[in-house]
Amino acid sequence: MATNAEHSASPSMLARADEIQRQIQQLSGRDLQLWSIGILVMLVLAAGISALIFPNVVWSQRVIRIESAYLPQLFFGLISLVLLFNIYLIGQKLTLNNTRRALISELVLNERLESLSLVDPLTQLLNRRALNELIPREVTRANRLGSPLTFMTMDLDGFREINSKFGAAEGNLVLMEFGKMLRATFRGGDLIFRHGGDEFLVVMPETDEEAADAPIQRLFRAVEHWNLNANKRYELSVSWGMAPYVTGSDFADALRAVDRKMYQKKHNLVPVF
């Protein structure tokens, strides 16, 4: 149920972002209209001032004479026109600026919410919703290019005991520290997910199982280094499984295969590092 709700929320957020961008473009068009009106009014005012300065204007061989008695009225009329136009222009600009600021703020908030909805707030890794959205893209890319794609899943051994014995705060610290190790170990193009509790998944595009061995060894060395320097009353250890994606298959099959391998390692007591 939660997954369906997340998927239904995502299109609405994207649609709202597109709508906000369209509204901002419309506001830019209204800015151009205001400038056009301003230029037109300035031309009218210039013509009026010219008529006041030059009382005799020749146009198409016709002579237009302006009586001096009407000059004060024309002058004050022009001044009133300028004041009214400035009041209108300032009011419109304030309205446009306020609307633009409100739309930009909403757009930024929308993007932040969308970003946060894809990121686990504790570990700063991608979450389960991101997994459901991003892995199909990598699978499609691997199918199109025929490139290797490797899945690696892992969890922290004895994490429940750490939580129960040392408290939830210590458990959260372990998750955050392990998240930092994962980000430091794998490439920027690799996708690292926390998809529940102490369970993690790494998707390595353009990487086969042999090439994936190097980052795994780096991760194990990072875990060993942490155990030596953290001065904790427990040691961190990791169980893991790895499986390649078979071109043309369902990526869910690869996820099941990698989970099965990790389960077999755990229950057969195969050393994890």
Protein backbone atom coordinates (compact mmCIF):
# COMPACT_ATOMS: atom_id res chain seq x y z
CA MET A 1 0.00 0.00 0.00
CA ALA A 2 2.77 2.45 0.90
CA THR A 3 4.61 1.71 -2.33
CA ASN A 4 1.52 2.43 -4.40
CA ALA A 5 0.98 5.71 -2.56
CA GLU A 6 4.56 6.74 -3.21
CA HIS A 7 4.24 5.99 -6.91
CA SER A 8 0.99 7.95 -7.13
CA ALA A 9 2.60 10.90 -5.34
CA SER A 10 5.59 11.03 -7.69
CA PRO A 11 3.71 11.87 -10.93
CA SER A 12 1.68 14.54 -9.13
CA MET A 13 4.86 16.16 -7.82
CA LEU A 14 6.40 16.13 -11.28
CA ALA A 15 3.21 17.50 -12.84
CA ARG A 16 3.09 20.30 -10.28
CA ALA A 17 6.72 21.17 -10.98
CA ASP A 18 5.97 21.41 -14.72
CA GLU A 19 2.93 23.57 -13.99
CA ILE A 20 4.98 25.92 -11.81
CA GLN A 21 7.59 26.29 -14.55
CA ARG A 22 4.86 27.12 -17.06
CA GLN A 23 3.45 29.76 -14.71
CA ILE A 24 6.89 31.32 -14.27
CA GLN A 25 7.23 31.50 -18.07
CA GLN A 26 3.83 33.19 -18.25
CA LEU A 27 4.97 35.75 -15.68
CA SER A 28 7.97 36.49 -17.87
CA GLY A 29 5.52 37.17 -20.71
CA ARG A 30 3.58 39.58 -18.50
CA ASP A 31 6.86 41.37 -17.71
CA LEU A 32 7.33 41.91 -21.44
CA GLN A 33 3.78 43.26 -21.71
CA LEU A 34 4.43 45.77 -18.94
CA TRP A 35 7.60 46.94 -20.62
CA SER A 36 5.71 47.32 -23.91
CA ILE A 37 2.99 49.37 -22.23
CA GLY A 38 5.66 51.49 -20.54
CA ILE A 39 7.38 52.22 -23.84
CA LEU A 40 4.04 53.13 -25.46
CA VAL A 41 3.12 55.49 -22.63
CA MET A 42 6.57 57.11 -22.79
CA LEU A 43 6.05 57.75 -26.49
CA VAL A 44 2.65 59.33 -25.77
CA LEU A 45 4.16 61.48 -23.04
CA ALA A 46 6.98 62.54 -25.32
CA ALA A 47 4.45 63.59 -27.94
CA GLY A 48 2.47 65.54 -25.31
CA ILE A 49 5.53 67.31 -23.97
CA SER A 50 6.58 68.18 -27.51
CA ALA A 51 3.15 69.73 -28.05
CA LEU A 52 3.60 71.85 -24.94
CA ILE A 53 7.10 72.98 -25.83
CA PHE A 54 6.34 73.62 -29.46
CA PRO A 55 2.85 75.16 -29.58
CA ASN A 56 2.88 75.25 -33.35
CA VAL A 57 3.21 71.78 -34.87
CA VAL A 58 3.09 71.32 -38.61
CA TRP A 59 1.77 67.96 -39.79
CA SER A 60 0.65 67.23 -43.33
CA GLN A 61 0.66 70.97 -44.07
CA ARG A 62 -1.86 71.61 -41.31
CA VAL A 63 -1.06 73.98 -38.47
CA ILE A 64 -2.19 72.96 -34.99
CA ARG A 65 -2.29 75.88 -32.55
CA ILE A 66 -2.56 75.33 -28.83
CA GLU A 67 -3.99 78.22 -26.86
CA SER A 68 -1.79 79.26 -23.96
CA ALA A 69 -4.82 79.13 -21.64
CA TYR A 70 -4.95 75.37 -22.06
CA LEU A 71 -1.29 74.74 -21.33
CA PRO A 72 -1.68 74.42 -17.51
CA GLN A 73 -4.51 71.93 -17.93
CA LEU A 74 -2.49 69.88 -20.41
CA PHE A 75 0.55 70.02 -18.18
CA PHE A 76 -1.32 68.81 -15.09
CA GLY A 77 -3.11 66.21 -17.19
CA LEU A 78 0.23 64.80 -18.29
CA ILE A 79 1.53 64.83 -14.72
CA SER A 80 -1.60 62.98 -13.55
CA LEU A 81 -1.16 60.45 -16.35
CA VAL A 82 2.45 59.86 -15.34
CA LEU A 83 1.49 59.38 -11.67
CA LEU A 84 -1.37 57.01 -12.48
CA PHE A 85 0.80 55.00 -14.81
CA ASN A 86 3.60 54.75 -12.25
CA ILE A 87 1.14 53.60 -9.57
CA TYR A 88 -0.26 50.98 -11.94
CA LEU A 89 3.20 49.85 -13.06
CA ILE A 90 4.54 49.58 -9.51
CA GLY A 91 1.47 47.64 -8.39
CA GLN A 92 1.76 45.21 -11.28
CA LYS A 93 5.48 44.71 -10.72
CA LEU A 94 4.96 44.04 -7.02
CA THR A 95 2.23 41.52 -7.81
CA LEU A 96 4.40 39.78 -10.41
CA ASN A 97 7.42 39.68 -8.11
CA ASN A 98 5.41 38.31 -5.20
CA THR A 99 3.82 35.67 -7.41
CA ARG A 100 7.18 34.75 -8.91
CA ARG A 101 8.78 34.41 -5.46
CA ALA A 102 5.91 32.25 -4.24
CA LEU A 103 6.15 29.98 -7.30
CA ILE A 104 9.93 29.65 -7.04
CA SER A 105 9.66 28.84 -3.32
CA GLU A 106 7.07 26.18 -4.07
CA LEU A 107 9.21 24.78 -6.88
CA VAL A 108 12.27 24.57 -4.60
CA LEU A 109 10.20 22.94 -1.86
CA ASN A 110 8.73 20.51 -4.37
CA GLU A 111 12.20 19.53 -5.58
CA ARG A 112 13.45 19.13 -2.01
CA LEU A 113 10.52 16.93 -1.09
CA GLU A 114 11.02 14.84 -4.20
CA SER A 115 14.74 14.51 -3.42
CA LEU A 116 14.11 13.66 0.21
CA SER A 117 11.52 11.07 -0.77
CA LEU A 118 14.24 9.19 -2.67
CA VAL A 119 16.89 9.42 0.06
CA ASP A 120 17.01 7.65 3.39
CA PRO A 121 17.36 10.49 5.93
CA LEU A 122 19.53 8.46 8.32
CA THR A 123 22.19 7.04 6.00
CA GLN A 124 21.77 9.50 3.09
CA LEU A 125 21.61 6.49 0.77
CA LEU A 126 18.87 5.87 -1.76
CA ASN A 127 15.73 4.34 -0.25
CA ARG A 128 13.32 1.63 -1.35
CA ARG A 129 11.23 3.98 -3.47
CA ALA A 130 14.37 5.02 -5.35
CA LEU A 131 15.15 1.32 -5.82
CA ASN A 132 11.80 0.75 -7.52
CA GLU A 133 12.34 3.76 -9.79
CA LEU A 134 16.04 3.59 -10.67
CA ILE A 135 16.80 -0.12 -11.06
CA PRO A 136 14.40 -0.58 -14.02
CA ARG A 137 16.29 2.21 -15.80
CA GLU A 138 19.62 0.46 -15.30
CA VAL A 139 18.10 -2.84 -16.43
CA THR A 140 16.72 -1.20 -19.57
CA ARG A 141 20.12 0.33 -20.25
CA ALA A 142 21.90 -2.99 -19.74
CA ASN A 143 19.45 -4.71 -22.10
CA ARG A 144 19.89 -2.01 -24.74
CA LEU A 145 23.70 -1.93 -24.62
CA GLY A 146 24.30 -5.54 -23.67
CA SER A 147 26.55 -4.35 -20.82
CA PRO A 148 27.06 -6.29 -17.57
CA LEU A 149 25.10 -5.35 -14.47
CA THR A 150 25.86 -6.78 -11.03
CA PHE A 151 23.76 -6.78 -7.88
CA MET A 152 25.23 -7.05 -4.40
CA THR A 153 23.12 -7.28 -1.27
CA MET A 154 24.38 -7.19 2.31
CA ASP A 155 23.24 -6.84 5.88
CA LEU A 156 24.93 -6.21 9.21
CA ASP A 157 25.45 -9.28 11.38
CA GLY A 158 24.08 -9.02 14.90
CA PHE A 159 22.46 -5.65 14.31
CA ARG A 160 19.40 -6.50 16.40
CA GLU A 161 21.64 -7.42 19.30
CA ILE A 162 23.47 -4.10 19.00
CA ASN A 163 20.14 -2.29 19.07
CA SER A 164 18.81 -4.20 22.07
CA LYS A 165 22.03 -4.13 24.08
CA PHE A 166 23.36 -0.63 23.35
CA GLY A 167 20.19 1.20 22.35
CA ALA A 168 18.61 2.57 19.18
CA ALA A 169 20.94 5.58 19.11
CA GLU A 170 23.95 3.29 18.85
CA GLY A 171 22.20 1.26 16.18
CA ASN A 172 21.56 4.43 14.17
CA LEU A 173 25.22 5.37 14.54
CA VAL A 174 26.25 1.99 13.12
CA LEU A 175 23.93 2.46 10.14
CA MET A 176 25.27 5.96 9.47
CA GLU A 177 28.89 4.79 9.71
CA PHE A 178 28.25 1.86 7.39
CA GLY A 179 26.51 4.20 4.94
CA LYS A 180 29.64 6.38 4.89
CA MET A 181 31.77 3.30 4.18
CA LEU A 182 29.55 2.32 1.28
CA ARG A 183 29.65 5.80 -0.25
CA ALA A 184 33.46 5.93 0.10
CA THR A 185 33.94 2.44 -1.34
CA PHE A 186 31.80 2.31 -4.46
CA ARG A 187 31.93 4.46 -7.58
CA GLY A 188 29.79 7.51 -8.14
CA GLY A 189 27.93 5.68 -10.90
CA ASP A 190 26.99 2.78 -8.62
CA LEU A 191 23.57 2.88 -6.98
CA ILE A 192 23.60 2.27 -3.22
CA PHE A 193 20.28 1.62 -1.48
CA ARG A 194 19.12 1.06 2.05
CA HIS A 195 15.97 -0.94 1.46
CA GLY A 196 15.01 -1.84 5.00
CA GLY A 197 16.50 -2.02 8.49
CA ASP A 198 20.13 -3.12 8.16
CA GLU A 199 19.71 -4.39 4.60
CA PHE A 200 21.60 -2.71 1.77
CA LEU A 201 21.79 -3.18 -1.97
CA VAL A 202 24.45 -2.01 -4.43
CA VAL A 203 23.78 -1.99 -8.17
CA MET A 204 26.97 -1.79 -10.25
CA PRO A 205 26.41 -0.88 -13.92
CA GLU A 206 28.95 -2.04 -16.52
CA THR A 207 30.53 -4.31 -13.89
CA ASP A 208 30.75 -8.09 -13.90
CA GLU A 209 31.32 -10.29 -10.83
CA GLU A 210 35.09 -10.37 -11.31
CA ALA A 211 35.36 -6.58 -11.49
CA ALA A 212 33.05 -6.25 -8.47
CA ASP A 213 35.54 -8.07 -6.26
CA ALA A 214 37.79 -5.00 -5.87
CA PRO A 215 35.20 -2.73 -4.20
CA ILE A 216 34.06 -5.62 -2.01
CA GLN A 217 37.61 -6.06 -0.71
CA ARG A 218 37.87 -2.31 -0.11
CA LEU A 219 34.64 -2.44 1.88
CA PHE A 220 35.90 -5.30 4.04
CA ARG A 221 39.13 -3.41 4.74
CA ALA A 222 37.06 -0.35 5.70
CA VAL A 223 35.02 -2.50 8.13
CA GLU A 224 38.20 -3.92 9.66
CA HIS A 225 39.66 -0.43 10.02
CA TRP A 226 36.48 0.77 11.70
CA ASN A 227 36.55 -2.12 14.16
CA LEU A 228 40.16 -1.32 15.08
CA ASN A 229 39.60 2.39 15.60
CA ALA A 230 36.01 2.75 16.82
CA ASN A 231 36.73 1.47 20.35
CA LYS A 232 33.36 -0.24 20.59
CA ARG A 233 32.37 -3.20 22.75
CA TYR A 234 31.21 -5.00 19.65
CA GLU A 235 32.57 -5.66 16.17
CA LEU A 236 30.90 -4.86 12.91
CA SER A 237 30.62 -7.66 10.37
CA VAL A 238 28.81 -7.98 7.07
CA SER A 239 27.08 -10.82 5.26
CA TRP A 240 26.73 -10.43 1.52
CA GLY A 241 25.68 -12.05 -1.69
CA MET A 242 26.27 -11.15 -5.32
CA ALA A 243 24.60 -12.08 -8.60
CA PRO A 244 24.79 -10.81 -12.19
CA TYR A 245 21.79 -9.63 -14.14
CA VAL A 246 20.97 -11.91 -17.06
CA THR A 247 20.14 -9.88 -20.15
CA GLY A 248 16.46 -10.03 -21.02
CA SER A 249 15.34 -11.36 -17.64
CA ASP A 250 13.29 -9.70 -14.94
CA PHE A 251 15.48 -7.78 -12.50
CA ALA A 252 13.39 -9.24 -9.66
CA ASP A 253 14.97 -12.62 -10.52
CA ALA A 254 18.43 -11.13 -9.97
CA LEU A 255 17.33 -9.68 -6.63
CA ARG A 256 15.96 -13.06 -5.55
CA ALA A 257 19.18 -14.76 -6.65
CA VAL A 258 21.40 -12.37 -4.72
CA ASP A 259 19.22 -12.73 -1.59
CA ARG A 260 19.41 -16.52 -1.94
CA LYS A 261 23.20 -16.43 -2.15
CA MET A 262 23.47 -14.30 0.96
CA TYR A 263 21.09 -16.62 2.83
CA GLN A 264 23.16 -19.64 1.84
CA LYS A 265 26.35 -17.97 3.03
CA LYS A 266 24.81 -17.13 6.38
CA HIS A 267 23.39 -20.55 7.09
CA ASN A 268 26.38 -22.46 5.75
CA LEU A 269 28.61 -20.31 7.98
CA VAL A 270 30.74 -19.21 5.05
CA PRO A 271 33.17 -16.47 6.16
CA VAL A 272 32.06 -13.10 4.86
CA PHE A 273 35.49 -11.45 5.10
